[in-house]
Amino acid sequence: LLIPTGDSNLDAAESLRIPYLIVHGDNDEVIPFSHASLLEAAANRAGIAVQRTIIPGADHNGIMDTATARDATIAFFRQHLLRAP
């Protein structure tokens, strides 16, 4: 949703200059669980802050149905969007 069409996720992870959140289920049938680690490593190489939340047992489509995923997303946006200038 937030990555421009045609860009690879790894390229974007290395070029973003803002903190970002990875929320991933360890039972995702669409995107391999190992991809979360690859994205996090790419961001770390670029010195970008990453918050990673893994949801045990969550699949691809049901992940945001979990309180853990919703809470992590809300906390991330509160931390990074509600900062006083």
Foldseek 3Di string as FASTA:
>chain_A
DPDPPPDDLLVCLQPDAAEEEAEEECAEPPDHPCVVVSSVVSNVVNVHHYHYHYDYPDYDPCRVVDPSVVVVVVVVCCVRVVDDD
